[in-house]
Protein backbone atom coordinates (compact mmCIF):
# COMPACT_ATOMS: atom_id res chain seq x y z
CA MET A 1 -126.96 124.76 -15.38
CA LEU A 2 -128.61 121.84 -13.56
CA PRO A 3 -127.59 120.82 -10.02
CA PHE A 4 -125.13 117.92 -9.85
CA ASP A 5 -127.80 115.31 -9.07
CA LYS A 6 -130.00 116.40 -11.98
CA ARG A 7 -127.36 116.04 -14.69
CA PRO A 8 -127.34 113.02 -17.01
CA LEU A 9 -124.67 110.40 -16.39
CA PRO A 10 -121.91 110.03 -19.03
CA ALA A 11 -122.39 107.15 -21.45
CA ALA A 12 -118.85 105.92 -20.69
CA LEU A 13 -119.83 104.74 -17.20
CA SER A 14 -120.04 100.99 -16.69
CA ALA A 15 -123.44 99.46 -16.06
CA GLU A 16 -122.53 98.69 -12.44
CA ALA A 17 -121.24 102.20 -11.74
CA ARG A 18 -124.32 103.70 -13.36
CA ARG A 19 -126.63 101.48 -11.27
CA ASN A 20 -124.84 102.35 -8.00
CA ILE A 21 -124.86 106.10 -8.70
CA GLU A 22 -128.50 106.11 -9.75
CA THR A 23 -129.43 104.14 -6.62
CA ALA A 24 -127.56 106.62 -4.40
CA ARG A 25 -129.23 109.54 -6.15
CA ALA A 26 -132.66 108.02 -5.60
CA LEU A 27 -131.94 107.33 -1.92
CA ARG A 28 -130.73 110.90 -1.37
CA ASP A 29 -134.18 112.09 -2.37
CA THR A 30 -136.03 109.99 0.24
CA PRO A 31 -136.03 109.37 3.99
CA ALA A 32 -134.02 106.22 3.26
CA LYS A 33 -130.87 108.37 3.10
CA CYS A 34 -130.88 108.62 6.88
CA LEU A 35 -131.64 104.94 7.18
CA ILE A 36 -128.67 103.95 5.02
CA GLU A 37 -126.39 106.20 7.10
CA GLY A 38 -127.81 104.62 10.23
CA LEU A 39 -127.28 101.08 8.92
CA LEU A 40 -123.66 101.85 8.07
CA ALA A 41 -123.17 103.41 11.51
CA LEU A 42 -124.80 100.45 13.25
CA LYS A 43 -122.65 98.04 11.31
CA GLY A 44 -119.46 99.99 11.91
CA THR A 45 -119.72 101.38 15.42
CA GLY A 46 -122.83 100.00 17.08
CA PRO A 47 -126.21 101.44 18.12
CA GLY A 48 -124.69 104.33 20.08
CA ALA A 49 -123.63 106.04 16.85
CA PHE A 50 -127.15 106.35 15.43
CA ASP A 51 -128.43 109.75 16.59
CA ASP A 52 -132.17 109.75 16.06
CA TYR A 53 -132.63 113.46 16.89
CA VAL A 54 -130.81 114.71 13.78
CA VAL A 55 -132.43 112.02 11.63
CA ARG A 56 -135.92 113.01 12.76
CA ARG A 57 -135.18 116.72 12.32
CA TYR A 58 -133.84 116.13 8.82
CA ILE A 59 -136.83 114.06 7.74
CA GLU A 60 -139.38 116.44 9.23
CA SER A 61 -137.80 119.45 7.50
CA GLU A 62 -137.04 117.82 4.15
CA PHE A 63 -139.98 115.45 3.85
CA PRO A 64 -142.96 116.92 5.74
CA GLY A 65 -145.42 114.29 6.82
CA SER A 66 -143.19 111.38 5.84
CA LEU A 67 -141.86 110.47 9.28
CA ASP A 68 -144.38 107.63 9.47
CA ALA A 69 -143.17 106.33 6.11
CA TYR A 70 -139.61 106.38 7.42
CA LEU A 71 -140.50 104.57 10.62
CA ALA A 72 -142.45 102.00 8.61
CA LYS A 73 -139.26 101.06 6.81
CA ILE A 74 -137.44 100.08 9.99
CA PRO A 75 -138.94 96.54 10.25
CA ASP A 76 -137.74 95.93 6.69
CA ALA A 77 -134.32 97.53 7.20
CA ALA A 78 -132.58 94.26 6.40
CA ASP A 79 -133.81 94.62 2.81
CA LEU A 80 -131.59 97.71 2.47
CA LEU A 81 -128.45 96.03 3.79
CA GLU A 82 -127.41 94.90 0.33
CA ILE A 83 -127.72 98.47 -0.97
CA ALA A 84 -125.81 99.77 2.04
CA ASN A 85 -123.02 97.29 1.34
CA THR A 86 -122.74 98.02 -2.39
CA SER A 87 -123.59 101.70 -2.92
CA GLY A 88 -124.36 103.01 0.56
CA HIS A 89 -121.08 104.98 0.68
CA LEU A 90 -122.34 107.07 -2.28
CA VAL A 91 -125.45 108.31 -0.47
CA SER A 92 -123.78 111.14 1.46
CA PRO A 93 -120.38 112.44 2.62
CA LEU A 94 -121.16 111.06 6.07
CA ALA A 95 -121.86 107.62 4.60
CA SER A 96 -118.46 107.70 2.86
CA ALA A 97 -116.81 108.77 6.11
CA ILE A 98 -118.37 105.82 7.94
CA ARG A 99 -117.59 103.31 5.20
CA PHE A 100 -113.91 104.28 4.84
CA GLY A 101 -113.50 105.45 8.42
CA SER A 102 -110.65 103.19 9.48
CA GLU A 103 -108.60 104.29 6.45
CA LEU A 104 -109.38 107.95 7.05
CA THR A 105 -108.54 107.97 10.76
CA ALA A 106 -105.57 105.61 11.08
CA GLY A 107 -107.55 102.60 12.22
CA SER A 108 -110.18 104.18 14.47
CA GLU A 109 -113.86 104.12 13.53
CA VAL A 110 -115.75 107.23 12.47
CA ILE A 111 -118.61 108.12 14.79
CA ALA A 112 -121.72 109.33 12.94
CA ALA A 113 -122.06 112.23 15.34
CA ARG A 114 -125.02 114.59 15.12
CA HIS A 115 -122.96 117.62 14.03
CA LEU A 116 -121.30 115.64 11.23
CA ARG A 117 -124.75 114.63 9.99
CA VAL A 118 -125.78 118.28 9.90
CA VAL A 119 -122.73 119.31 7.83
CA SER A 120 -123.17 116.33 5.51
CA ASP A 121 -126.82 117.26 4.95
CA LEU A 122 -125.85 120.80 3.89
CA ILE A 123 -123.63 119.35 1.17
CA VAL A 124 -126.30 116.89 0.04
CA LYS A 125 -128.77 119.77 -0.30
CA ALA A 126 -126.27 121.66 -2.44
CA VAL A 127 -125.81 118.81 -4.93
CA ARG A 128 -129.57 118.18 -5.06
CA GLY A 129 -130.21 121.86 -5.78
CA THR A 130 -132.34 122.36 -2.66
CA GLY A 131 -129.73 124.25 -0.65
CA LYS A 132 -127.15 126.98 -1.11
CA ARG A 133 -124.03 126.15 -3.11
CA LYS A 134 -121.75 128.25 -0.89
CA ILE A 135 -121.30 126.86 2.61
CA CYS A 136 -119.20 128.12 5.52
CA VAL A 137 -118.76 125.79 8.52
CA CYS A 138 -116.97 126.82 11.73
CA MET A 139 -116.14 123.88 13.96
CA PRO A 140 -113.95 123.38 17.07
CA PHE A 141 -110.51 121.78 17.07
CA ARG A 142 -110.45 117.99 16.58
CA HIS A 143 -114.17 117.55 16.05
CA GLY A 144 -114.06 115.86 12.64
CA LYS A 145 -114.00 118.99 10.49
CA SER A 146 -111.17 118.01 8.14
CA MET A 147 -112.04 114.31 8.23
CA LEU A 148 -115.48 115.02 6.79
CA SER A 149 -114.76 118.03 4.55
CA SER A 150 -111.25 117.37 3.24
CA LEU A 151 -111.20 113.55 3.19
CA ALA A 152 -114.67 111.99 3.06
CA LEU A 153 -116.26 114.69 0.90
CA PRO A 154 -113.78 114.33 -2.02
CA ILE A 155 -114.16 110.53 -1.94
CA TRP A 156 -117.94 110.83 -2.00
CA LEU A 157 -118.07 113.44 -4.75
CA ILE A 158 -115.63 111.69 -7.10
CA GLY A 159 -117.42 108.40 -6.37
CA ASN A 160 -120.68 109.94 -7.59
CA TYR A 161 -119.26 112.21 -10.28
CA PRO A 162 -115.93 110.73 -11.51
CA TRP A 163 -115.85 113.25 -14.38
CA MET A 164 -115.82 116.24 -12.00
CA THR A 165 -112.81 118.02 -10.47
CA ILE A 166 -112.19 119.03 -6.87
CA GLY A 167 -109.93 121.87 -5.72
CA LEU A 168 -108.62 121.01 -2.25
CA THR A 169 -106.97 124.02 -0.59
CA ALA A 170 -105.57 124.61 2.88
CA GLY A 171 -103.44 127.07 4.82
CA THR A 172 -100.25 125.18 3.96
CA SER A 173 -99.20 123.06 1.00
CA SER A 174 -98.09 120.21 3.26
CA LEU A 175 -101.56 119.93 4.82
CA ALA A 176 -103.30 119.93 1.43
CA HIS A 177 -100.87 117.26 0.13
CA HIS A 178 -101.43 115.19 3.27
CA PHE A 179 -105.18 115.11 2.61
CA SER A 180 -104.70 114.38 -1.10
CA ARG A 181 -102.33 111.50 -0.42
CA GLN A 182 -104.83 109.84 1.93
CA ILE A 183 -107.64 110.23 -0.61
CA ARG A 184 -105.52 108.83 -3.44
CA ASN A 185 -104.52 105.83 -1.34
CA ILE A 186 -108.17 105.04 -0.56
CA PHE A 187 -109.01 105.10 -4.28
CA GLN A 188 -106.06 102.82 -5.02
CA ASN A 189 -107.08 100.38 -2.24
CA ASN A 190 -110.83 100.29 -3.06
CA GLN A 191 -111.02 99.85 -6.81
CA ASP A 192 -114.03 97.58 -6.41
CA ARG A 193 -116.08 100.42 -4.87
CA LEU A 194 -114.56 103.61 -6.26
CA PRO A 195 -113.73 104.86 -9.77
CA ALA A 196 -110.36 103.82 -11.15
CA LEU A 197 -107.58 106.39 -11.29
CA ALA A 198 -105.77 107.22 -14.50
CA SER A 199 -102.54 105.21 -14.63
CA ASP A 200 -100.46 108.26 -15.59
CA SER A 201 -101.83 110.70 -12.97
CA GLN A 202 -101.69 109.46 -9.38
CA SER A 203 -99.39 111.88 -7.53
CA SER A 204 -100.08 113.08 -4.03
CA GLU A 205 -100.48 116.68 -5.26
CA GLN A 206 -102.87 115.92 -8.11
CA PHE A 207 -104.58 112.87 -9.55
CA HIS A 208 -107.20 112.08 -12.21
CA THR A 209 -109.81 109.39 -12.78
CA GLU A 210 -110.19 107.45 -16.01
CA HIS A 211 -113.27 109.60 -16.70
CA GLY A 212 -111.31 112.89 -16.68
CA GLY A 213 -112.22 114.16 -13.23
CA GLY A 214 -109.91 114.24 -10.24
CA LEU A 215 -108.42 116.41 -7.54
CA TRP A 216 -105.77 119.10 -7.32
CA THR A 217 -104.32 120.83 -4.27
CA GLY A 218 -103.43 124.41 -3.49
CA SER A 219 -102.60 126.67 -0.58
CA THR A 220 -102.29 130.35 0.27
CA SER A 221 -98.56 130.06 -0.46
CA SER A 222 -98.81 128.21 -3.80
CA GLY A 223 -100.33 129.11 -7.13
CA ILE A 224 -103.28 127.37 -8.80
CA LEU A 225 -102.96 128.93 -12.23
CA GLY A 226 -104.83 127.14 -15.00
CA LYS A 227 -106.85 124.83 -12.73
CA GLY A 228 -110.64 124.71 -12.59
CA CYS A 229 -112.98 122.85 -10.27
CA ASN A 230 -116.60 121.84 -9.70
CA LEU A 231 -116.14 121.69 -5.93
CA LEU A 232 -113.79 123.98 -4.00
CA ILE A 233 -112.81 123.02 -0.45
CA ALA A 234 -111.05 125.69 1.62
CA ASP A 235 -109.89 124.12 4.89
CA ASP A 236 -108.34 126.43 7.50
CA LEU A 237 -106.84 128.93 5.05
CA ILE A 238 -105.55 130.94 8.01
CA ALA A 239 -103.07 128.43 9.32
CA SER A 240 -102.40 129.84 12.80
CA ALA A 241 -103.60 132.26 15.46
CA GLU A 242 -100.51 134.39 14.81
CA LEU A 243 -101.48 134.88 11.16
CA ALA A 244 -105.09 135.59 12.14
CA SER A 245 -103.91 138.34 14.49
CA THR A 246 -102.35 140.37 11.64
CA ARG A 247 -104.21 142.28 8.96
CA ASN A 248 -101.68 141.09 6.36
CA GLY A 249 -102.32 137.44 7.23
CA ARG A 250 -106.09 137.86 7.02
CA ASP A 251 -105.82 139.82 3.77
CA ALA A 252 -103.62 137.14 2.15
CA ALA A 253 -106.07 134.35 3.00
CA TRP A 254 -109.02 136.42 1.80
CA ARG A 255 -107.38 137.29 -1.53
CA PHE A 256 -106.48 133.65 -2.09
CA LEU A 257 -110.06 132.50 -1.47
CA ILE A 258 -111.92 135.19 -3.42
CA ALA A 259 -109.50 136.11 -6.22
CA ASP A 260 -107.60 132.86 -6.76
CA ALA A 261 -109.57 129.85 -5.55
CA MET A 262 -113.25 130.75 -6.05
CA SER A 263 -112.55 132.19 -9.48
CA ARG A 264 -111.66 128.61 -10.58
CA GLY A 265 -115.24 127.41 -10.15
CA GLN A 266 -116.94 126.02 -13.23
CA ASP A 267 -120.32 124.54 -14.21
CA PHE A 268 -122.51 125.48 -11.22
CA PRO A 269 -119.68 125.04 -8.66
CA ILE A 270 -120.04 124.32 -4.96
CA THR A 271 -117.77 126.00 -2.39
CA LEU A 272 -117.16 124.73 1.15
CA VAL A 273 -115.19 126.92 3.57
CA CYS A 274 -114.39 125.17 6.85
CA CYS A 275 -112.31 126.63 9.64
CA THR A 276 -112.01 127.66 13.26
CA ARG A 277 -112.80 131.30 14.06
CA TRP A 278 -110.04 133.59 15.27
CA ASP A 279 -111.10 137.15 14.56
CA VAL A 280 -114.21 139.11 13.58
CA ASP A 281 -112.24 140.08 10.47
CA ASP A 282 -111.36 136.49 9.51
CA ILE A 283 -112.81 134.78 6.43
CA PRO A 284 -116.21 133.84 7.97
CA GLY A 285 -116.46 137.32 9.49
CA ARG A 286 -115.85 138.95 6.12
CA LEU A 287 -118.27 136.63 4.36
CA MET A 288 -120.99 137.37 6.92
CA SER A 289 -120.44 141.14 6.76
CA GLY A 290 -120.43 141.38 2.97
CA TYR A 291 -116.80 142.48 2.80
CA ASP A 292 -115.54 143.54 -0.66
CA GLY A 293 -119.07 143.37 -2.05
CA VAL A 294 -119.61 139.69 -1.23
CA ASP A 295 -123.31 138.79 -1.12
CA SER A 296 -123.67 137.08 2.27
CA SER A 297 -127.20 135.91 1.37
CA GLU A 298 -125.65 133.42 -1.08
CA TRP A 299 -123.90 131.65 1.80
CA GLU A 300 -125.11 129.07 4.30
CA PHE A 301 -123.37 129.64 7.66
CA LEU A 302 -123.02 127.01 10.40
CA THR A 303 -121.14 127.79 13.61
CA LEU A 304 -120.70 125.04 16.20
CA SER A 305 -119.31 125.36 19.74
CA ALA A 306 -117.66 122.56 21.72
CA ILE A 307 -119.95 123.24 24.70
CA SER A 308 -123.34 124.76 23.94
CA GLU A 309 -123.98 128.04 25.74
CA ALA A 310 -127.74 127.90 25.10
CA GLU A 311 -130.35 125.61 23.60
CA ASP A 312 -129.06 124.48 20.20
CA PRO A 313 -131.93 123.53 17.84
CA ILE A 314 -129.49 122.49 15.10
CA THR A 315 -127.91 119.67 17.06
CA GLY A 316 -130.59 119.22 19.72
CA ARG A 317 -128.26 120.08 22.61
CA ARG A 318 -129.24 121.67 25.87
CA ALA A 319 -127.08 124.40 27.38
CA GLY A 320 -123.84 122.97 28.74
CA GLU A 321 -123.79 119.84 26.56
CA ALA A 322 -120.74 118.74 24.57
CA LEU A 323 -120.87 118.75 20.77
CA PHE A 324 -118.99 115.47 20.28
CA PRO A 325 -119.27 113.55 23.56
CA GLU A 326 -118.26 110.28 21.88
CA LYS A 327 -114.79 111.70 21.18
CA ARG A 328 -114.64 114.84 23.33
CA PRO A 329 -116.60 114.19 26.54
CA LEU A 330 -117.70 117.13 28.64
CA ALA A 331 -115.24 116.38 31.45
CA GLU A 332 -112.33 116.49 29.00
CA LEU A 333 -113.54 119.77 27.51
CA GLU A 334 -113.91 121.31 30.96
CA SER A 335 -110.35 120.23 31.73
CA PHE A 336 -109.16 121.94 28.57
CA ARG A 337 -111.06 125.08 29.51
CA ARG A 338 -109.38 125.23 32.92
CA SER A 339 -105.87 124.53 31.68
CA MET A 340 -105.57 126.70 28.55
CA PRO A 341 -105.61 130.47 28.00
CA ALA A 342 -109.15 131.79 27.92
CA GLU A 343 -108.70 133.33 24.48
CA LEU A 344 -107.60 130.01 22.99
CA TRP A 345 -110.65 128.29 24.45
CA ALA A 346 -113.00 131.00 23.14
CA CYS A 347 -111.65 130.79 19.60
CA GLY A 348 -110.47 127.22 19.17
CA PHE A 349 -113.36 125.49 20.91
CA GLN A 350 -116.28 127.92 21.10
CA ASN A 351 -115.74 129.63 17.72
CA THR A 352 -116.17 133.01 19.37
CA PRO A 353 -113.73 135.54 17.86
CA LEU A 354 -111.68 137.40 20.44
CA GLN A 355 -113.31 140.70 19.56
CA GLU A 356 -116.65 139.22 20.58
CA THR A 357 -115.33 138.49 24.06
CA ASN A 358 -113.76 140.66 26.75
CA ILE A 359 -110.69 138.42 26.94
CA GLY A 360 -107.59 140.62 26.84
CA LYS A 361 -109.72 143.50 25.60
CA ALA A 362 -108.41 146.97 26.40
CA TYR A 363 -111.72 148.87 26.20
CA LYS A 364 -113.91 146.48 28.15
CA SER A 365 -116.53 149.07 29.05
CA PHE A 366 -117.37 149.78 25.40
CA SER A 367 -120.70 148.43 24.17
CA GLU A 368 -121.59 148.96 20.53
CA ARG A 369 -125.26 148.68 21.46
CA ASP A 370 -125.07 151.39 24.14
CA HIS A 371 -122.46 153.74 22.75
CA VAL A 372 -122.83 153.80 18.96
CA SER A 373 -125.73 155.70 17.39
CA ASP A 374 -126.84 157.12 14.04
CA PHE A 375 -127.99 160.28 15.83
CA VAL A 376 -124.78 161.74 17.26
CA GLU A 377 -124.29 165.21 15.77
CA PHE A 378 -122.14 168.31 16.31
CA ASP A 379 -123.55 170.78 18.85
CA PRO A 380 -122.80 174.33 17.61
CA GLU A 381 -123.20 175.71 21.13
CA LEU A 382 -120.16 173.75 22.32
CA PRO A 383 -116.48 173.83 21.36
CA ILE A 384 -115.16 171.08 19.12
CA ARG A 385 -112.48 169.11 20.89
CA CYS A 386 -109.92 167.78 18.39
CA SER A 387 -107.56 165.17 19.77
CA TRP A 388 -104.54 164.07 17.69
CA ASP A 389 -102.35 161.02 17.41
CA PHE A 390 -99.32 161.89 15.29
CA ASN A 391 -98.03 159.37 12.77
CA ILE A 392 -97.27 159.27 9.09
CA ASN A 393 -99.16 156.02 8.62
CA PRO A 394 -101.78 156.63 9.80
CA SER A 395 -102.43 160.06 11.25
CA ALA A 396 -105.53 160.12 13.44
CA VAL A 397 -107.87 162.79 14.86
CA VAL A 398 -111.16 162.44 16.74
CA CYS A 399 -113.67 165.31 16.97
CA ALA A 400 -116.04 165.54 19.91
CA ASN A 401 -118.26 167.77 22.01
CA ALA A 402 -118.06 167.54 25.80
CA ARG A 403 -120.88 168.93 27.93
CA ILE A 404 -120.33 169.45 31.64
CA ILE A 405 -122.92 167.65 33.79
CA ARG A 406 -123.87 169.62 36.87
CA PRO A 407 -125.58 168.18 39.97
CA ALA A 408 -129.32 168.80 39.99
CA ASN A 409 -129.04 170.27 43.50
CA PRO A 410 -127.58 173.79 43.17
CA ILE A 411 -126.14 173.69 46.69
CA ILE A 412 -124.19 170.52 45.96
CA ASP A 413 -123.10 172.10 42.68
CA MET A 414 -121.81 175.20 44.45
CA VAL A 415 -120.01 173.26 47.20
CA THR A 416 -118.40 170.64 44.97
CA ARG A 417 -117.38 172.88 42.08
CA GLY A 418 -113.61 173.17 42.12
CA VAL A 419 -113.32 170.38 44.67
CA TYR A 420 -114.26 167.46 42.44
CA PRO A 421 -113.38 167.08 38.77
CA GLU A 422 -116.04 168.08 36.32
CA VAL A 423 -118.10 165.28 34.81
CA PHE A 424 -118.83 165.26 31.08
CA ASP A 425 -121.21 163.78 28.57
CA VAL A 426 -119.09 163.23 25.47
CA SER A 427 -120.32 162.99 21.87
CA VAL A 428 -117.76 161.80 19.31
CA PHE A 429 -119.24 162.86 15.97
CA ASP A 430 -116.35 162.70 13.49
CA GLU A 431 -112.95 161.16 12.88
CA LEU A 432 -110.00 161.52 10.52
CA LEU A 433 -107.70 158.62 9.64
CA LEU A 434 -105.17 159.24 6.85
CA ASN A 435 -102.38 157.04 5.54
CA ASP A 436 -98.98 158.22 4.34
CA VAL A 437 -99.45 161.88 5.16
CA THR A 438 -97.50 164.68 6.85
CA THR A 439 -98.90 166.78 9.66
CA GLU A 440 -99.46 169.63 7.19
CA GLU A 441 -101.61 167.35 5.03
CA THR A 442 -103.55 166.22 8.09
CA CYS A 443 -104.17 169.87 9.02
CA SER A 444 -105.47 170.58 5.53
CA ALA A 445 -107.87 167.60 5.58
CA LEU A 446 -109.05 168.42 9.10
CA GLY A 447 -109.54 172.06 8.10
CA GLU A 448 -111.98 171.02 5.38
CA LYS A 449 -114.06 169.12 7.94
CA LEU A 450 -113.93 171.90 10.53
CA ARG A 451 -114.97 174.61 8.05
CA ARG A 452 -118.29 172.83 7.54
CA TYR A 453 -118.86 172.84 11.29
CA ALA A 454 -117.71 176.47 11.47
CA ASP A 455 -120.39 177.48 8.98
CA ILE A 456 -123.02 175.80 11.16
CA ALA A 457 -121.67 177.43 14.33
CA ARG A 458 -121.62 180.90 12.76
CA ARG A 459 -125.24 180.54 11.62
CA PHE A 460 -126.35 179.50 15.11
CA THR A 461 -124.11 181.66 17.31
CA GLY A 462 -122.72 184.41 15.08
CA ARG A 463 -119.23 183.59 16.35
CA ARG A 464 -116.13 181.80 15.17
CA LEU A 465 -115.94 178.09 15.84
CA LYS A 466 -114.29 177.37 19.18
CA VAL A 467 -111.76 174.53 18.81
CA VAL A 468 -110.00 172.94 21.79
CA VAL A 469 -106.90 171.13 20.53
CA THR A 470 -105.23 168.36 22.51
CA GLY A 471 -103.43 165.10 21.86
CA ASP A 472 -100.13 163.29 21.59
CA SER A 473 -97.39 164.99 23.65
CA SER A 474 -94.73 163.52 21.38
CA GLY A 475 -95.84 166.14 18.88
CA ASN A 476 -93.63 168.55 20.82
CA GLN A 477 -90.60 166.75 19.41
CA ARG A 478 -89.29 166.98 15.88
CA ARG A 479 -90.67 163.99 14.00
CA THR A 480 -90.79 162.48 10.54
CA SER A 481 -94.50 163.28 10.41
CA ALA A 482 -93.62 166.98 10.57
CA SER A 483 -92.42 168.77 7.46
CA SER A 484 -89.69 171.32 6.95
CA GLN A 485 -92.19 174.15 6.93
CA GLU A 486 -90.36 177.37 7.66
CA GLY A 487 -90.48 178.26 11.31
CA ALA A 488 -92.23 175.02 12.29
CA ARG A 489 -90.05 172.18 13.45
CA THR A 490 -92.50 169.99 15.39
CA ASP A 491 -95.97 168.57 14.81
CA TRP A 492 -97.60 170.89 17.33
CA GLN A 493 -95.86 173.95 15.89
CA ILE A 494 -97.33 173.07 12.49
CA VAL A 495 -100.80 172.67 14.02
CA ARG A 496 -100.51 176.00 15.83
CA LYS A 497 -99.49 177.79 12.65
CA PHE A 498 -102.42 176.22 10.79
CA PHE A 499 -104.93 177.62 13.27
CA GLU A 500 -103.13 180.97 13.35
CA ARG A 501 -103.48 181.25 9.57
CA ASN A 502 -107.19 180.45 9.86
CA SER A 503 -107.96 182.53 12.94
CA ASP A 504 -110.76 184.31 11.06
CA VAL A 505 -112.66 181.00 11.10
CA PHE A 506 -111.39 179.17 14.19
CA ASP A 507 -110.90 180.32 17.76
CA ALA A 508 -108.31 177.73 18.82
CA GLU A 509 -107.26 176.89 22.36
CA PHE A 510 -104.44 174.40 22.97
CA HIS A 511 -104.37 171.92 25.88
CA LEU A 512 -100.96 170.26 25.59
CA ARG A 513 -99.14 168.09 28.10
CA LYS A 514 -95.46 167.37 28.62
CA SER A 515 -96.00 163.60 28.64
CA ASN A 516 -98.68 161.15 27.58
CA GLY A 517 -98.64 159.27 30.85
CA SER A 518 -98.95 155.50 31.06
CA VAL A 519 -100.91 153.48 28.53
CA ARG A 520 -102.81 151.76 31.34
CA ASP A 521 -103.90 155.12 32.74
CA ARG A 522 -105.14 156.42 29.38
CA VAL A 523 -107.07 153.22 28.65
CA ALA A 524 -108.62 153.37 32.13
CA LYS A 525 -109.72 156.95 31.52
CA VAL A 526 -111.38 156.02 28.22
CA ASN A 527 -113.20 153.17 29.96
CA GLY A 528 -114.28 155.71 32.58
CA LEU A 529 -115.93 157.83 29.89
CA PHE A 530 -118.43 155.20 28.78
CA TYR A 531 -120.66 155.03 31.86
CA SER A 532 -121.27 157.02 35.00
CA ALA A 533 -120.93 155.33 38.37
CA ASP A 534 -124.68 154.69 38.42
CA GLY A 535 -124.61 153.02 34.99
CA ASN A 536 -125.82 155.86 32.78
CA VAL A 537 -124.27 156.17 29.32
CA ARG A 538 -121.85 159.12 29.28
CA MET A 539 -120.24 158.77 25.84
CA ARG A 540 -121.91 158.34 22.48
CA ILE A 541 -120.13 157.76 19.20
CA SER A 542 -121.52 158.42 15.74
CA SER A 543 -121.91 155.35 13.56
CA ARG A 544 -119.97 157.34 10.96
CA CYS A 545 -116.84 156.89 13.10
CA ARG A 546 -116.27 153.37 11.80
CA GLY A 547 -112.54 153.37 12.42
CA LEU A 548 -112.92 154.34 16.08
CA VAL A 549 -115.65 151.75 16.65
CA ALA A 550 -113.50 149.06 15.03
CA ASP A 551 -110.55 150.05 17.23
CA LEU A 552 -112.61 149.95 20.42
CA LYS A 553 -113.71 146.42 19.55
CA ALA A 554 -110.32 145.15 18.38
CA VAL A 555 -107.58 146.67 20.56
CA ARG A 556 -106.11 144.25 23.10
CA TRP A 557 -103.29 144.13 25.58
CA ALA A 558 -100.02 142.65 24.38
CA LYS A 559 -98.71 139.43 25.94
CA ASP A 560 -95.24 138.07 26.47
CA SER A 561 -94.05 134.67 25.25
CA PHE A 562 -95.47 133.05 28.42
CA GLY A 563 -98.95 134.50 27.90
CA ASN A 564 -98.64 137.17 30.60
CA THR A 565 -100.45 140.44 29.93
CA LEU A 566 -98.15 143.44 29.46
CA ASP A 567 -98.76 147.14 30.12
CA VAL A 568 -98.66 147.98 26.43
CA LEU A 569 -101.18 147.50 23.66
CA ASP A 570 -100.84 144.84 20.99
CA LYS A 571 -99.54 146.68 17.91
CA LYS A 572 -99.12 143.71 15.56
CA ASP A 573 -101.56 145.37 13.21
CA SER A 574 -100.03 148.80 12.65
CA ARG A 575 -103.33 150.24 11.47
CA VAL A 576 -105.26 149.81 14.72
CA SER A 577 -105.22 151.72 18.04
CA HIS A 578 -104.46 155.20 16.62
CA LEU A 579 -108.00 156.54 16.90
CA THR A 580 -108.39 155.04 20.37
CA ASP A 581 -105.04 156.60 21.31
CA ALA A 582 -106.45 159.97 20.21
CA LEU A 583 -109.57 159.29 22.30
CA GLY A 584 -107.29 158.47 25.23
CA TYR A 585 -105.58 161.86 25.01
CA LEU A 586 -109.02 163.48 25.01
CA ALA A 587 -110.01 161.55 28.14
CA VAL A 588 -106.82 162.68 29.87
CA ASP A 589 -107.55 166.30 28.92
CA LEU A 590 -111.06 166.03 30.35
CA GLY A 591 -109.60 164.78 33.64
CA VAL A 592 -111.68 161.60 33.72
CA GLY A 593 -111.09 159.60 36.87
CA GLN A 594 -108.99 162.27 38.65
CA GLN A 595 -110.66 162.10 42.04
CA PRO A 596 -109.19 163.73 45.16
CA ILE A 597 -107.17 161.45 47.41
CA GLY A 598 -108.22 160.75 51.00
CA GLU A 599 -111.45 161.17 52.97
CA GLN A 600 -113.68 163.94 51.63
CA PRO A 601 -116.44 165.90 53.38
CA TYR A 602 -118.98 165.47 50.56
CA ALA A 603 -120.43 162.46 48.79
CA ILE A 604 -119.13 161.84 45.30
CA TRP A 605 -121.94 162.19 42.79
CA GLY A 606 -122.44 161.03 39.18
């Protein structure tokens, strides 16, 4: 199937419409595209709106060697004014935004800002067949994202291809209908420039042109059964930070996009996803990571921050410059940064998901670069330490080796042994995370893993596998996760009986506590495992332990309704924090951070 701009025009088009569309197509394929946009901007908002950096970058990348030809046109720019006035709005989405700006933005003019030019150019490349047809744009709050993608883009596309259909989707039905109503009104008020609408189909939810194309709306809460589209626009499918913070909310938006909305594409469709980032597991995060088998190489990704943190070759900004100074000057952005919660600034303005910052993060000392490796393996010379977190959904266990680190100086070792807590290098090499299981079922699954390690240990040492068992003290109480196994009323009793039955394979030793202690203390002890006082890495985690790594990146402190940090972890997503809880019980058992109180006669080492 040919790209949109390469397809023949329907015979039913009027001569004037055909001439305007063909002129716009021809201009899109030359440096004059930028010139037309500039002329419209100059006419509408003055010289300050014409950003030459993006224009030059576009021309140099798309038309190598033709910058001189573009500059040569400037003295004769007046010759293009007639084209700009008649069909200029059909050249690009940005040109449509400028031309109909006052109607799109309640009377204010649209600024042809550099970042809007960049987004518009991605769409133009898609219809010309020179760029990717799947585009994901992440843009800060109130920086023109919806104005360009959900208002100007549909006007431009239907203006050029009145026989094509657009699917306009958003996080709520009311938002999608709001966009559709504005678009319909612009078509009704500009019949001399835009295709006529069908007299019997002009509702705010769905309308059609006289050529059979049109626009329909949808949302994550409404169905779109039986509707197809040539262009799909998905604007902020996750409607709030609260929804983004829950796995169910992220899953619902993802299913809607992939299973419902994108499956409606027809005839070489184009997809535009535009949003603000909230979470590494949000829609852009999943698209980038290839979630559910998605081919990320098919997508063009553009992430823009309100204030650049480094040199930005895409928009030509230096570090510390505002993205949209015409509407959001740097002083205003800095005021926002000072007055709002840091996590809201990071997500809503910088498009940095919370998990990629340390804001509110529980395990701040964790570094995936330093602590996760493909080469962390079980050491048969050491006991396996199995730490449990008891739940039915899920049940979690981490498996690790812990090697005591002795001072290099034997005298210091002799003097400090028994006075200071032992220091460990910890290797977490396996994990178990099971949903909807009893403690007996968890024991059975863990036993299968441990038997493999036991075979290795027996070959190397000739002995049974030493297993040190620790974990959740609530396992001493009768719980729903425990079964009615005869003679075993609690989780820990079931675990003990399991190891007793398999004592020919496992030499089990139990380190159980009466209480779990405070959450703050356990989290602090886990953070204390990652590095020694002199900055050396003390804990390494196998890359196979994907659940634990995800938890360490995602778990955050809960907050009250006023934004104050609480002493408990955020458990909105019931599937996170269980493996890190198990790691916390292991850290407590190892005595991390338990230093003597008061002045001591010897220097603390390591």
